[in-house]
PDB file of N, CA and C in Angstrom:
ATOM      1  N   MET A   1      13.099 -19.047 -10.140  1.00  0.00           N
ATOM      2  CA  MET A   1      11.544 -18.911  -9.905  1.00  0.00           C
ATOM      3  C   MET A   1      11.745 -17.637  -8.659  1.00  0.00           C
ATOM      4  N   ASN A   2      12.510 -17.530  -7.722  1.00  0.00           N
ATOM      5  CA  ASN A   2      12.552 -16.073  -7.027  1.00  0.00           C
ATOM      6  C   ASN A   2      11.946 -15.055  -7.529  1.00  0.00           C
ATOM      7  N   TYR A   3      13.167 -14.560  -8.407  1.00  0.00           N
ATOM      8  CA  TYR A   3      12.935 -13.763  -8.931  1.00  0.00           C
ATOM      9  C   TYR A   3      12.019 -12.816  -9.176  1.00  0.00           C
ATOM     10  N   LEU A   4      11.285 -14.053  -9.905  1.00  0.00           N
ATOM     11  CA  LEU A   4       9.625 -14.149 -10.615  1.00  0.00           C
ATOM     12  C   LEU A   4       9.002 -13.532  -9.499  1.00  0.00           C
ATOM     13  N   ILE A   5       9.137 -14.415  -8.759  1.00  0.00           N
ATOM     14  CA  ILE A   5       7.732 -14.502  -7.432  1.00  0.00           C
ATOM     15  C   ILE A   5       7.796 -12.350  -6.728  1.00  0.00           C
ATOM     16  N   VAL A   6       8.846 -12.094  -6.581  1.00  0.00           N
ATOM     17  CA  VAL A   6       9.525 -11.168  -6.256  1.00  0.00           C
ATOM     18  C   VAL A   6       9.345 -10.325  -7.205  1.00  0.00           C
ATOM     19  N   PHE A   7       9.841  -9.864  -8.464  1.00  0.00           N
ATOM     20  CA  PHE A   7       8.836  -9.054  -9.334  1.00  0.00           C
ATOM     21  C   PHE A   7       7.576  -9.211 -10.043  1.00  0.00           C
ATOM     22  N   LEU A   8       7.074  -9.937  -9.644  1.00  0.00           N
ATOM     23  CA  LEU A   8       5.075  -9.489  -9.701  1.00  0.00           C
ATOM     24  C   LEU A   8       4.760  -9.101  -8.516  1.00  0.00           C
ATOM     25  N   GLY A   9       5.507  -9.481  -7.271  1.00  0.00           N
ATOM     26  CA  GLY A   9       4.630  -8.748  -6.038  1.00  0.00           C
ATOM     27  C   GLY A   9       5.066  -7.228  -6.215  1.00  0.00           C
ATOM     28  N   ALA A  10       6.466  -6.923  -6.441  1.00  0.00           N
ATOM     29  CA  ALA A  10       7.010  -5.596  -6.329  1.00  0.00           C
ATOM     30  C   ALA A  10       5.958  -4.602  -7.191  1.00  0.00           C
ATOM     31  N   GLY A  11       5.648  -5.213  -8.879  1.00  0.00           N
ATOM     32  CA  GLY A  11       4.588  -4.463  -9.301  1.00  0.00           C
ATOM     33  C   GLY A  11       3.153  -4.108  -8.818  1.00  0.00           C
ATOM     34  N   ILE A  12       2.770  -5.322  -8.682  1.00  0.00           N
ATOM     35  CA  ILE A  12       1.656  -4.890  -7.236  1.00  0.00           C
ATOM     36  C   ILE A  12       1.641  -3.727  -6.451  1.00  0.00           C
ATOM     37  N   GLY A  13       2.962  -4.147  -5.549  1.00  0.00           N
ATOM     38  CA  GLY A  13       3.312  -2.769  -4.224  1.00  0.00           C
ATOM     39  C   GLY A  13       3.910  -1.800  -5.031  1.00  0.00           C
ATOM     40  N   GLY A  14       4.159  -1.678  -6.116  1.00  0.00           N
ATOM     41  CA  GLY A  14       4.232  -0.376  -6.972  1.00  0.00           C
ATOM     42  C   GLY A  14       3.207   0.626  -7.707  1.00  0.00           C
ATOM     43  N   ALA A  15       2.097  -0.408  -8.339  1.00  0.00           N
ATOM     44  CA  ALA A  15       0.911   0.195  -8.835  1.00  0.00           C
ATOM     45  C   ALA A  15      -0.201   0.318  -7.450  1.00  0.00           C
ATOM     46  N   LEU A  16       0.153   0.122  -6.228  1.00  0.00           N
ATOM     47  CA  LEU A  16      -0.739   0.733  -4.837  1.00  0.00           C
ATOM     48  C   LEU A  16       0.097   1.530  -4.711  1.00  0.00           C
ATOM     49  N   ARG A  17       1.020   2.056  -5.000  1.00  0.00           N
ATOM     50  CA  ARG A  17       2.067   3.380  -4.334  1.00  0.00           C
ATOM     51  C   ARG A  17       1.386   3.989  -5.434  1.00  0.00           C
ATOM     52  N   HIS A  18       1.405   4.002  -6.482  1.00  0.00           N
ATOM     53  CA  HIS A  18       0.781   4.666  -7.181  1.00  0.00           C
ATOM     54  C   HIS A  18      -0.505   5.112  -7.439  1.00  0.00           C
ATOM     55  N   GLY A  19      -1.280   4.564  -6.864  1.00  0.00           N
ATOM     56  CA  GLY A  19      -2.660   4.127  -6.718  1.00  0.00           C
ATOM     57  C   GLY A  19      -2.845   5.561  -5.557  1.00  0.00           C
ATOM     58  N   VAL A  20      -1.690   5.589  -4.212  1.00  0.00           N
ATOM     59  CA  VAL A  20      -1.479   5.980  -2.553  1.00  0.00           C
ATOM     60  C   VAL A  20      -1.400   7.791  -3.654  1.00  0.00           C
ATOM     61  N   ASN A  21       0.098   7.843  -4.293  1.00  0.00           N
ATOM     62  CA  ASN A  21       0.181   8.899  -4.289  1.00  0.00           C
ATOM     63  C   ASN A  21      -0.688   9.593  -5.915  1.00  0.00           C
ATOM     64  N   THR A  22      -1.630   9.116  -6.191  1.00  0.00           N
ATOM     65  CA  THR A  22      -2.300  10.089  -7.198  1.00  0.00           C
ATOM     66  C   THR A  22      -4.040  10.633  -6.075  1.00  0.00           C
ATOM     67  N   LEU A  23      -4.330   9.354  -5.243  1.00  0.00           N
ATOM     68  CA  LEU A  23      -5.411   9.670  -4.404  1.00  0.00           C
ATOM     69  C   LEU A  23      -4.964  10.334  -3.271  1.00  0.00           C
ATOM     70  N   VAL A  24      -4.223  10.607  -2.565  1.00  0.00           N
ATOM     71  CA  VAL A  24      -4.070  11.564  -1.302  1.00  0.00           C
ATOM     72  C   VAL A  24      -4.057  13.288  -1.306  1.00  0.00           C
ATOM     73  N   PRO A  25      -2.611  12.812  -2.363  1.00  0.00           N
ATOM     74  CA  PRO A  25      -2.960  14.507  -2.567  1.00  0.00           C
ATOM     75  C   PRO A  25      -4.671  15.636  -3.161  1.00  0.00           C
ATOM     76  N   ARG A  26      -5.165  14.970  -3.893  1.00  0.00           N
ATOM     77  CA  ARG A  26      -6.171  14.978  -4.264  1.00  0.00           C
ATOM     78  C   ARG A  26      -7.457  15.064  -2.638  1.00  0.00           C
ATOM     79  N   LEU A  27      -6.956  14.339  -2.183  1.00  0.00           N
ATOM     80  CA  LEU A  27      -7.624  14.771  -0.695  1.00  0.00           C
ATOM     81  C   LEU A  27      -7.581  15.249   0.089  1.00  0.00           C
ATOM     82  N   LEU A  28      -5.828  15.359   0.728  1.00  0.00           N
ATOM     83  CA  LEU A  28      -5.301  16.082   1.324  1.00  0.00           C
ATOM     84  C   LEU A  28      -3.959  17.538   1.194  1.00  0.00           C
ATOM     85  N   GLY A  29      -4.811  17.316   0.143  1.00  0.00           N
ATOM     86  CA  GLY A  29      -3.811  18.751  -0.697  1.00  0.00           C
ATOM     87  C   GLY A  29      -1.801  17.561  -0.662  1.00  0.00           C
ATOM     88  N   SER A  30      -1.548  18.830  -1.516  1.00  0.00           N
ATOM     89  CA  SER A  30      -0.182  18.367  -1.758  1.00  0.00           C
ATOM     90  C   SER A  30       0.808  18.978  -1.413  1.00  0.00           C
ATOM     91  N   ALA A  31       1.276  20.017  -0.410  1.00  0.00           N
ATOM     92  CA  ALA A  31       1.349  20.695   0.207  1.00  0.00           C
ATOM     93  C   ALA A  31       2.501  20.517   1.557  1.00  0.00           C
ATOM     94  N   PHE A  32       2.280  18.948   1.562  1.00  0.00           N
ATOM     95  CA  PHE A  32       2.670  18.270   2.689  1.00  0.00           C
ATOM     96  C   PHE A  32       3.282  16.504   2.325  1.00  0.00           C
ATOM     97  N   PRO A  33       4.378  15.944   1.942  1.00  0.00           N
ATOM     98  CA  PRO A  33       4.105  14.938   1.789  1.00  0.00           C
ATOM     99  C   PRO A  33       3.487  13.543   2.305  1.00  0.00           C
ATOM    100  N   TRP A  34       2.224  13.677   1.979  1.00  0.00           N
ATOM    101  CA  TRP A  34       1.017  12.836   3.280  1.00  0.00           C
ATOM    102  C   TRP A  34       0.904  11.629   2.100  1.00  0.00           C
ATOM    103  N   SER A  35       1.127  11.559   1.102  1.00  0.00           N
ATOM    104  CA  SER A  35       1.242  10.192   0.555  1.00  0.00           C
ATOM    105  C   SER A  35       2.383   9.608   0.937  1.00  0.00           C
ATOM    106  N   THR A  36       3.777  10.114   1.103  1.00  0.00           N
ATOM    107  CA  THR A  36       4.719   9.097   1.386  1.00  0.00           C
ATOM    108  C   THR A  36       4.624   8.546   3.021  1.00  0.00           C
ATOM    109  N   LEU A  37       4.147   9.547   3.925  1.00  0.00           N
ATOM    110  CA  LEU A  37       4.390   9.272   4.973  1.00  0.00           C
ATOM    111  C   LEU A  37       2.625   8.013   5.014  1.00  0.00           C
ATOM    112  N   ALA A  38       1.903   8.100   4.663  1.00  0.00           N
ATOM    113  CA  ALA A  38       0.962   7.634   4.748  1.00  0.00           C
ATOM    114  C   ALA A  38       1.376   6.160   3.790  1.00  0.00           C
ATOM    115  N   VAL A  39       2.451   5.834   3.103  1.00  0.00           N
ATOM    116  CA  VAL A  39       2.784   4.352   2.702  1.00  0.00           C
ATOM    117  C   VAL A  39       3.740   3.814   3.339  1.00  0.00           C
ATOM    118  N   ASN A  40       3.804   5.278   4.255  1.00  0.00           N
ATOM    119  CA  ASN A  40       5.535   4.327   4.913  1.00  0.00           C
ATOM    120  C   ASN A  40       4.817   3.422   6.232  1.00  0.00           C
ATOM    121  N   ILE A  41       3.935   4.694   7.062  1.00  0.00           N
ATOM    122  CA  ILE A  41       3.274   3.751   7.986  1.00  0.00           C
ATOM    123  C   ILE A  41       1.731   2.697   7.576  1.00  0.00           C
ATOM    124  N   VAL A  42       1.897   2.676   6.725  1.00  0.00           N
ATOM    125  CA  VAL A  42       0.035   0.930   6.351  1.00  0.00           C
ATOM    126  C   VAL A  42       2.094   0.220   6.398  1.00  0.00           C
ATOM    127  N   GLY A  43       2.961  -0.181   4.989  1.00  0.00           N
ATOM    128  CA  GLY A  43       3.622  -0.383   4.741  1.00  0.00           C
ATOM    129  C   GLY A  43       4.336  -0.724   5.815  1.00  0.00           C
ATOM    130  N   SER A  44       4.799   0.101   7.005  1.00  0.00           N
ATOM    131  CA  SER A  44       5.363  -0.539   8.341  1.00  0.00           C
ATOM    132  C   SER A  44       4.249  -1.444   9.194  1.00  0.00           C
ATOM    133  N   LEU A  45       3.112  -1.251   9.679  1.00  0.00           N
ATOM    134  CA  LEU A  45       2.043  -2.128   9.561  1.00  0.00           C
ATOM    135  C   LEU A  45       1.608  -2.948   8.857  1.00  0.00           C
ATOM    136  N   ALA A  46       2.229  -3.050   8.077  1.00  0.00           N
ATOM    137  CA  ALA A  46       1.214  -4.586   7.390  1.00  0.00           C
ATOM    138  C   ALA A  46       2.705  -5.500   7.424  1.00  0.00           C
ATOM    139  N   MET A  47       4.011  -4.762   7.287  1.00  0.00           N
ATOM    140  CA  MET A  47       5.397  -5.650   7.466  1.00  0.00           C
ATOM    141  C   MET A  47       5.346  -6.487   8.380  1.00  0.00           C
ATOM    142  N   GLY A  48       4.726  -5.418  10.237  1.00  0.00           N
ATOM    143  CA  GLY A  48       4.952  -6.204  11.732  1.00  0.00           C
ATOM    144  C   GLY A  48       3.697  -7.106  11.641  1.00  0.00           C
ATOM    145  N   LEU A  49       2.792  -7.070  10.596  1.00  0.00           N
ATOM    146  CA  LEU A  49       1.601  -7.660  11.093  1.00  0.00           C
ATOM    147  C   LEU A  49       2.141  -8.824   9.754  1.00  0.00           C
ATOM    148  N   ILE A  50       2.469  -9.104   8.850  1.00  0.00           N
ATOM    149  CA  ILE A  50       2.861 -10.518   8.007  1.00  0.00           C
ATOM    150  C   ILE A  50       4.280 -10.789   9.012  1.00  0.00           C
ATOM    151  N   ALA A  51       5.254 -10.298   8.378  1.00  0.00           N
ATOM    152  CA  ALA A  51       6.464 -10.470   9.673  1.00  0.00           C
ATOM    153  C   ALA A  51       5.671 -11.351  11.369  1.00  0.00           C
ATOM    154  N   GLY A  52       4.727 -10.544  12.006  1.00  0.00           N
ATOM    155  CA  GLY A  52       4.493 -11.418  13.083  1.00  0.00           C
ATOM    156  C   GLY A  52       3.531 -12.924  12.539  1.00  0.00           C
ATOM    157  N   TYR A  53       2.640 -12.819  12.469  1.00  0.00           N
ATOM    158  CA  TYR A  53       2.616 -13.629  11.680  1.00  0.00           C
ATOM    159  C   TYR A  53       2.746 -15.231  11.124  1.00  0.00           C
ATOM    160  N   PHE A  54       4.300 -15.399  10.614  1.00  0.00           N
ATOM    161  CA  PHE A  54       4.603 -16.132   9.913  1.00  0.00           C
ATOM    162  C   PHE A  54       5.710 -16.319  11.369  1.00  0.00           C
ATOM    163  N   ALA A  55       6.387 -15.811  12.251  1.00  0.00           N
ATOM    164  CA  ALA A  55       7.057 -15.818  13.387  1.00  0.00           C
ATOM    165  C   ALA A  55       6.043 -16.195  14.874  1.00  0.00           C
ATOM    166  N   PHE A  56       5.192 -16.242  14.742  1.00  0.00           N
ATOM    167  CA  PHE A  56       4.572 -16.288  15.533  1.00  0.00           C
ATOM    168  C   PHE A  56       2.424 -17.054  15.606  1.00  0.00           C
ATOM    169  N   LYS A  57       2.243 -17.147  14.555  1.00  0.00           N
ATOM    170  CA  LYS A  57       1.015 -18.109  14.136  1.00  0.00           C
ATOM    171  C   LYS A  57       1.438 -18.636  13.373  1.00  0.00           C
ATOM    172  N   GLY A  58       2.109 -18.864  12.075  1.00  0.00           N
ATOM    173  CA  GLY A  58       1.751 -19.669  10.533  1.00  0.00           C
ATOM    174  C   GLY A  58       2.908 -19.924  10.059  1.00  0.00           C
ATOM    175  N   GLU A  59       3.235 -20.886   9.656  1.00  0.00           N
ATOM    176  CA  GLU A  59       4.288 -21.272   9.028  1.00  0.00           C
ATOM    177  C   GLU A  59       3.819 -20.893   7.265  1.00  0.00           C
ATOM    178  N   ALA A  60       5.082 -19.858   6.158  1.00  0.00           N
ATOM    179  CA  ALA A  60       4.678 -20.496   4.812  1.00  0.00           C
ATOM    180  C   ALA A  60       5.545 -20.368   4.192  1.00  0.00           C
ATOM    181  N   SER A  61       5.556 -20.929   2.910  1.00  0.00           N
ATOM    182  CA  SER A  61       6.581 -21.341   2.074  1.00  0.00           C
ATOM    183  C   SER A  61       7.457 -19.961   1.939  1.00  0.00           C
ATOM    184  N   GLN A  62       8.511 -20.095   1.274  1.00  0.00           N
ATOM    185  CA  GLN A  62       9.582 -18.788   1.353  1.00  0.00           C
ATOM    186  C   GLN A  62       9.415 -17.833   0.233  1.00  0.00           C
ATOM    187  N   ALA A  63       8.434 -18.439  -0.835  1.00  0.00           N
ATOM    188  CA  ALA A  63       7.611 -18.029  -1.779  1.00  0.00           C
ATOM    189  C   ALA A  63       7.080 -16.926  -1.543  1.00  0.00           C
ATOM    190  N   TRP A  64       6.421 -17.494  -0.758  1.00  0.00           N
ATOM    191  CA  TRP A  64       5.274 -16.826  -0.680  1.00  0.00           C
ATOM    192  C   TRP A  64       5.776 -15.402   0.565  1.00  0.00           C
ATOM    193  N   ARG A  65       7.041 -16.228   1.300  1.00  0.00           N
ATOM    194  CA  ARG A  65       7.407 -14.391   2.082  1.00  0.00           C
ATOM    195  C   ARG A  65       7.712 -13.840   1.591  1.00  0.00           C
ATOM    196  N   LEU A  66       8.914 -14.772   0.317  1.00  0.00           N
ATOM    197  CA  LEU A  66       8.746 -13.669  -0.952  1.00  0.00           C
ATOM    198  C   LEU A  66       8.279 -12.401  -1.747  1.00  0.00           C
ATOM    199  N   PHE A  67       7.082 -13.005  -1.685  1.00  0.00           N
ATOM    200  CA  PHE A  67       6.307 -12.211  -2.367  1.00  0.00           C
ATOM    201  C   PHE A  67       5.284 -11.059  -2.077  1.00  0.00           C
ATOM    202  N   LEU A  68       5.297 -11.216  -0.696  1.00  0.00           N
ATOM    203  CA  LEU A  68       4.476 -10.672   0.692  1.00  0.00           C
ATOM    204  C   LEU A  68       5.359  -9.252   0.641  1.00  0.00           C
ATOM    205  N   THR A  69       6.398  -9.800   1.699  1.00  0.00           N
ATOM    206  CA  THR A  69       7.713  -8.719   1.913  1.00  0.00           C
ATOM    207  C   THR A  69       8.413  -7.896   0.916  1.00  0.00           C
ATOM    208  N   THR A  70       9.442  -8.893   0.017  1.00  0.00           N
ATOM    209  CA  THR A  70       9.890  -8.503  -0.433  1.00  0.00           C
ATOM    210  C   THR A  70       9.181  -7.825  -1.785  1.00  0.00           C
ATOM    211  N   GLY A  71       8.684  -8.849  -2.502  1.00  0.00           N
ATOM    212  CA  GLY A  71       7.693  -8.294  -3.434  1.00  0.00           C
ATOM    213  C   GLY A  71       6.601  -6.895  -3.369  1.00  0.00           C
ATOM    214  N   ILE A  72       5.363  -7.550  -2.426  1.00  0.00           N
ATOM    215  CA  ILE A  72       4.726  -6.661  -2.865  1.00  0.00           C
ATOM    216  C   ILE A  72       4.767  -5.181  -1.629  1.00  0.00           C
ATOM    217  N   LEU A  73       5.642  -5.035  -0.497  1.00  0.00           N
ATOM    218  CA  LEU A  73       5.823  -4.160   0.617  1.00  0.00           C
ATOM    219  C   LEU A  73       7.413  -3.518  -0.098  1.00  0.00           C
ATOM    220  N   GLY A  74       7.877  -4.699  -0.901  1.00  0.00           N
ATOM    221  CA  GLY A  74       9.424  -3.857  -1.530  1.00  0.00           C
ATOM    222  C   GLY A  74       8.822  -2.568  -2.194  1.00  0.00           C
ATOM    223  N   GLY A  75       7.745  -3.270  -3.313  1.00  0.00           N
ATOM    224  CA  GLY A  75       7.365  -2.584  -4.175  1.00  0.00           C
ATOM    225  C   GLY A  75       6.786  -0.844  -3.260  1.00  0.00           C
ATOM    226  N   PHE A  76       6.263  -1.384  -2.489  1.00  0.00           N
ATOM    227  CA  PHE A  76       5.262  -0.460  -2.448  1.00  0.00           C
ATOM    228  C   PHE A  76       5.524   0.744  -0.705  1.00  0.00           C
ATOM    229  N   THR A  77       6.992   0.057  -0.600  1.00  0.00           N
ATOM    230  CA  THR A  77       7.842   1.012   0.008  1.00  0.00           C
ATOM    231  C   THR A  77       8.808   0.139   0.886  1.00  0.00           C
ATOM    232  N   THR A  78       9.923   0.660   0.913  1.00  0.00           N
ATOM    233  CA  THR A  78      11.356   0.034   1.523  1.00  0.00           C
ATOM    234  C   THR A  78      11.297   0.002   2.778  1.00  0.00           C
ATOM    235  N   PHE A  79      10.347   1.046   3.477  1.00  0.00           N
ATOM    236  CA  PHE A  79      10.419   2.129   4.902  1.00  0.00           C
ATOM    237  C   PHE A  79      10.414   0.777   5.870  1.00  0.00           C
ATOM    238  N   SER A  80       8.846   0.038   5.500  1.00  0.00           N
ATOM    239  CA  SER A  80       8.893  -1.124   5.828  1.00  0.00           C
ATOM    240  C   SER A  80       9.782  -2.314   6.558  1.00  0.00           C
ATOM    241  N   ALA A  81      10.953  -2.818   5.103  1.00  0.00           N
ATOM    242  CA  ALA A  81      11.928  -3.243   5.727  1.00  0.00           C
ATOM    243  C   ALA A  81      13.081  -2.486   6.851  1.00  0.00           C
ATOM    244  N   PHE A  82      12.744  -1.124   6.381  1.00  0.00           N
ATOM    245  CA  PHE A  82      13.654  -0.317   7.936  1.00  0.00           C
ATOM    246  C   PHE A  82      13.536  -0.696   8.869  1.00  0.00           C
ATOM    247  N   SER A  83      11.811  -0.435   9.146  1.00  0.00           N
ATOM    248  CA  SER A  83      11.295  -1.037  10.236  1.00  0.00           C
ATOM    249  C   SER A  83      11.458  -1.563  10.652  1.00  0.00           C
ATOM    250  N   LEU A  84      10.885  -2.817  10.457  1.00  0.00           N
ATOM    251  CA  LEU A  84      11.576  -4.087  10.154  1.00  0.00           C
ATOM    252  C   LEU A  84      12.601  -4.649  11.385  1.00  0.00           C
ATOM    253  N   ASP A  85      14.075  -4.338  10.712  1.00  0.00           N
ATOM    254  CA  ASP A  85      15.375  -4.191  11.161  1.00  0.00           C
ATOM    255  C   ASP A  85      15.592  -3.351  12.317  1.00  0.00           C
ATOM    256  N   THR A  86      14.916  -1.942  11.871  1.00  0.00           N
ATOM    257  CA  THR A  86      15.137  -1.905  13.400  1.00  0.00           C
ATOM    258  C   THR A  86      14.381  -2.382  14.549  1.00  0.00           C
ATOM    259  N   ALA A  87      12.697  -2.797  14.788  1.00  0.00           N
ATOM    260  CA  ALA A  87      12.353  -4.019  15.523  1.00  0.00           C
ATOM    261  C   ALA A  87      13.663  -4.566  15.923  1.00  0.00           C
ATOM    262  N   LEU A  88      14.129  -5.858  14.911  1.00  0.00           N
ATOM    263  CA  LEU A  88      14.601  -6.847  15.089  1.00  0.00           C
ATOM    264  C   LEU A  88      15.845  -6.399  15.818  1.00  0.00           C
ATOM    265  N   LEU A  89      16.440  -5.275  15.519  1.00  0.00           N
ATOM    266  CA  LEU A  89      17.720  -4.606  16.404  1.00  0.00           C
ATOM    267  C   LEU A  89      17.250  -4.194  17.666  1.00  0.00           C
ATOM    268  N   TYR A  90      16.109  -3.929  18.204  1.00  0.00           N
ATOM    269  CA  TYR A  90      15.427  -3.383  19.818  1.00  0.00           C
ATOM    270  C   TYR A  90      15.208  -4.611  19.927  1.00  0.00           C
ATOM    271  N   ASP A  91      14.762  -5.998  19.601  1.00  0.00           N
ATOM    272  CA  ASP A  91      14.643  -7.293  20.508  1.00  0.00           C
ATOM    273  C   ASP A  91      15.483  -7.880  20.902  1.00  0.00           C
ATOM    274  N   ARG A  92      16.312  -7.372  19.856  1.00  0.00           N
ATOM    275  CA  ARG A  92      17.948  -8.166  20.141  1.00  0.00           C
ATOM    276  C   ARG A  92      18.809  -7.548  21.220  1.00  0.00           C
ATOM    277  N   GLY A  93      18.089  -6.655  21.896  1.00  0.00           N
ATOM    278  CA  GLY A  93      18.896  -5.484  22.678  1.00  0.00           C
ATOM    279  C   GLY A  93      20.557  -5.006  22.183  1.00  0.00           C
ATOM    280  N   ALA A  94      19.880  -5.005  21.083  1.00  0.00           N
ATOM    281  CA  ALA A  94      21.225  -4.640  20.070  1.00  0.00           C
ATOM    282  C   ALA A  94      21.625  -2.398  20.032  1.00  0.00           C
ATOM    283  N   THR A  95      21.565  -2.353  21.224  1.00  0.00           N
ATOM    284  CA  THR A  95      20.993  -0.768  21.310  1.00  0.00           C
ATOM    285  C   THR A  95      21.718   0.370  20.620  1.00  0.00           C
ATOM    286  N   ALA A  96      23.526  -0.164  20.548  1.00  0.00           N
ATOM    287  CA  ALA A  96      24.176   0.648  20.154  1.00  0.00           C
ATOM    288  C   ALA A  96      23.800   0.364  18.359  1.00  0.00           C
ATOM    289  N   PRO A  97      23.785  -0.643  17.425  1.00  0.00           N
ATOM    290  CA  PRO A  97      23.645  -0.731  16.278  1.00  0.00           C
ATOM    291  C   PRO A  97      22.260  -0.132  15.818  1.00  0.00           C
ATOM    292  N   LEU A  98      21.241  -0.685  16.999  1.00  0.00           N
ATOM    293  CA  LEU A  98      20.597  -0.199  16.142  1.00  0.00           C
ATOM    294  C   LEU A  98      20.284   1.360  16.301  1.00  0.00           C
ATOM    295  N   LEU A  99      20.819   2.089  17.116  1.00  0.00           N
ATOM    296  CA  LEU A  99      21.077   3.795  17.057  1.00  0.00           C
ATOM    297  C   LEU A  99      21.520   4.224  15.810  1.00  0.00           C
ATOM    298  N   PHE A 100      23.045   3.597  15.430  1.00  0.00           N
ATOM    299  CA  PHE A 100      23.832   3.809  14.314  1.00  0.00           C
ATOM    300  C   PHE A 100      23.068   3.588  12.669  1.00  0.00           C
ATOM    301  N   TYR A 101      22.090   2.436  12.712  1.00  0.00           N
ATOM    302  CA  TYR A 101      21.142   2.167  12.230  1.00  0.00           C
ATOM    303  C   TYR A 101      20.344   2.425  11.543  1.00  0.00           C
ATOM    304  N   VAL A 102      19.672   3.393  12.472  1.00  0.00           N
ATOM    305  CA  VAL A 102      18.712   4.456  12.327  1.00  0.00           C
ATOM    306  C   VAL A 102      19.210   5.717  11.917  1.00  0.00           C
ATOM    307  N   ALA A 103      20.713   6.011  12.653  1.00  0.00           N
ATOM    308  CA  ALA A 103      20.741   7.574  12.496  1.00  0.00           C
ATOM    309  C   ALA A 103      20.895   7.865  10.572  1.00  0.00           C
ATOM    310  N   GLY A 104      21.925   6.084  10.982  1.00  0.00           N
ATOM    311  CA  GLY A 104      22.647   6.269   9.557  1.00  0.00           C
ATOM    312  C   GLY A 104      21.929   6.605   8.134  1.00  0.00           C
ATOM    313  N   SER A 105      20.703   5.210   8.711  1.00  0.00           N
ATOM    314  CA  SER A 105      20.234   5.626   7.111  1.00  0.00           C
ATOM    315  C   SER A 105      19.304   6.544   6.760  1.00  0.00           C
ATOM    316  N   VAL A 106      18.656   7.121   8.487  1.00  0.00           N
ATOM    317  CA  VAL A 106      18.175   8.574   7.836  1.00  0.00           C
ATOM    318  C   VAL A 106      19.359   9.679   7.117  1.00  0.00           C
ATOM    319  N   LEU A 107      20.197   9.726   8.303  1.00  0.00           N
ATOM    320  CA  LEU A 107      20.989  11.404   7.876  1.00  0.00           C
ATOM    321  C   LEU A 107      21.845  10.552   6.529  1.00  0.00           C
ATOM    322  N   LEU A 108      22.042   9.222   6.571  1.00  0.00           N
ATOM    323  CA  LEU A 108      23.212   9.353   4.934  1.00  0.00           C
ATOM    324  C   LEU A 108      22.393   9.163   3.785  1.00  0.00           C
ATOM    325  N   SER A 109      21.072   8.511   4.339  1.00  0.00           N
ATOM    326  CA  SER A 109      20.069   8.875   3.142  1.00  0.00           C
ATOM    327  C   SER A 109      20.128  10.020   2.352  1.00  0.00           C
ATOM    328  N   ILE A 110      19.386  11.184   3.006  1.00  0.00           N
ATOM    329  CA  ILE A 110      19.098  12.133   2.728  1.00  0.00           C
ATOM    330  C   ILE A 110      20.591  13.330   2.709  1.00  0.00           C
ATOM    331  N   LEU A 111      21.797  13.023   3.170  1.00  0.00           N
ATOM    332  CA  LEU A 111      22.893  13.593   2.290  1.00  0.00           C
ATOM    333  C   LEU A 111      23.030  13.015   1.029  1.00  0.00           C
ATOM    334  N   ALA A 112      23.395  12.086   0.916  1.00  0.00           N
ATOM    335  CA  ALA A 112      23.137  11.068  -0.516  1.00  0.00           C
ATOM    336  C   ALA A 112      22.198  11.879  -1.551  1.00  0.00           C
ATOM    337  N   VAL A 113      21.535  12.006  -1.411  1.00  0.00           N
ATOM    338  CA  VAL A 113      19.994  12.642  -2.161  1.00  0.00           C
ATOM    339  C   VAL A 113      20.242  14.102  -2.264  1.00  0.00           C
ATOM    340  N   PHE A 114      20.732  14.762  -1.438  1.00  0.00           N
ATOM    341  CA  PHE A 114      21.819  16.571  -0.896  1.00  0.00           C
ATOM    342  C   PHE A 114      22.347  16.030  -3.093  1.00  0.00           C
ATOM    343  N   LEU A 115      23.453  14.830  -2.211  1.00  0.00           N
ATOM    344  CA  LEU A 115      24.921  14.958  -3.640  1.00  0.00           C
ATOM    345  C   LEU A 115      24.288  14.913  -4.550  1.00  0.00           C
ATOM    346  N   GLY A 116      24.010  13.372  -4.815  1.00  0.00           N
ATOM    347  CA  GLY A 116      22.871  13.150  -5.707  1.00  0.00           C
ATOM    348  C   GLY A 116      21.950  14.929  -6.754  1.00  0.00           C
ATOM    349  N   LEU A 117      21.621  15.540  -6.435  1.00  0.00           N
ATOM    350  CA  LEU A 117      20.801  16.257  -6.493  1.00  0.00           C
ATOM    351  C   LEU A 117      21.904  17.544  -6.769  1.00  0.00           C
ATOM    352  N   ALA A 118      23.431  17.767  -6.187  1.00  0.00           N
ATOM    353  CA  ALA A 118      24.479  18.827  -6.467  1.00  0.00           C
ATOM    354  C   ALA A 118      25.302  17.776  -7.443  1.00  0.00           C
ATOM    355  N   VAL A 119      25.442  17.289  -7.627  1.00  0.00           N
ATOM    356  CA  VAL A 119      25.979  16.497  -8.594  1.00  0.00           C
ATOM    357  C   VAL A 119      25.227  16.492 -10.608  1.00  0.00           C
ATOM    358  N   MET A 120      24.438  16.225  -9.962  1.00  0.00           N
ATOM    359  CA  MET A 120      23.747  16.865 -11.363  1.00  0.00           C
ATOM    360  C   MET A 120      23.055  18.034 -11.727  1.00  0.00           C
ATOM    361  N   LYS A 121      23.152  18.939 -10.632  1.00  0.00           N
ATOM    362  CA  LYS A 121      23.317  20.496 -10.725  1.00  0.00           C
ATOM    363  C   LYS A 121      24.362  20.736 -11.607  1.00  0.00           C
ATOM    364  N   LEU A 122      25.781  20.317 -11.333  1.00  0.00           N
ATOM    365  CA  LEU A 122      26.600  20.543 -12.098  1.00  0.00           C
ATOM    366  C   LEU A 122      26.964  20.047 -12.938  1.00  0.00           C
ATOM    367  N   ASN A 123      26.163  19.064 -13.552  1.00  0.00           N
ATOM    368  CA  ASN A 123      26.271  18.430 -14.820  1.00  0.00           C
ATOM    369  C   ASN A 123      25.848  19.454 -15.898  1.00  0.00           C
ATOM    370  N   GLY A 124      24.474  19.898 -15.014  1.00  0.00           N
ATOM    371  CA  GLY A 124      23.236  20.928 -15.837  1.00  0.00           C
ATOM    372  C   GLY A 124      23.761  22.242 -16.162  1.00  0.00           C
ATOM    373  N   GLN A 125      24.868  22.209 -15.995  1.00  0.00           N
ATOM    374  CA  GLN A 125      24.856  24.358 -15.970  1.00  0.00           C
ATOM    375  C   GLN A 125      26.528  24.307 -17.216  1.00  0.00           C
TER     376      GLN A 125
END
């Protein structure tokens, strides 16, 4: 049942992401990735608000948490999960793991994209 809950939430989040990807370039142009920047910031703010609410203000079922965070926000942007993980490492005082996680996530992910592009470029020729 949890997979279905996440699936439904991710569909909503993905549709919201598509809406932002359609609207923002019309408003701001497409020379800069404004859509991705907006999604990352809004998704991270939403993750902070939701996680903060669950942690400090109220209880919610595991299904509701999965639907909102892993589902909707996961479909909208996975950057929000990265941001929350970073904040949790900071709150724990885990400076070395935090630095490794941030640098590793950003640098290795970018390198992985370049590697994937290079492999496909080589295979396409």
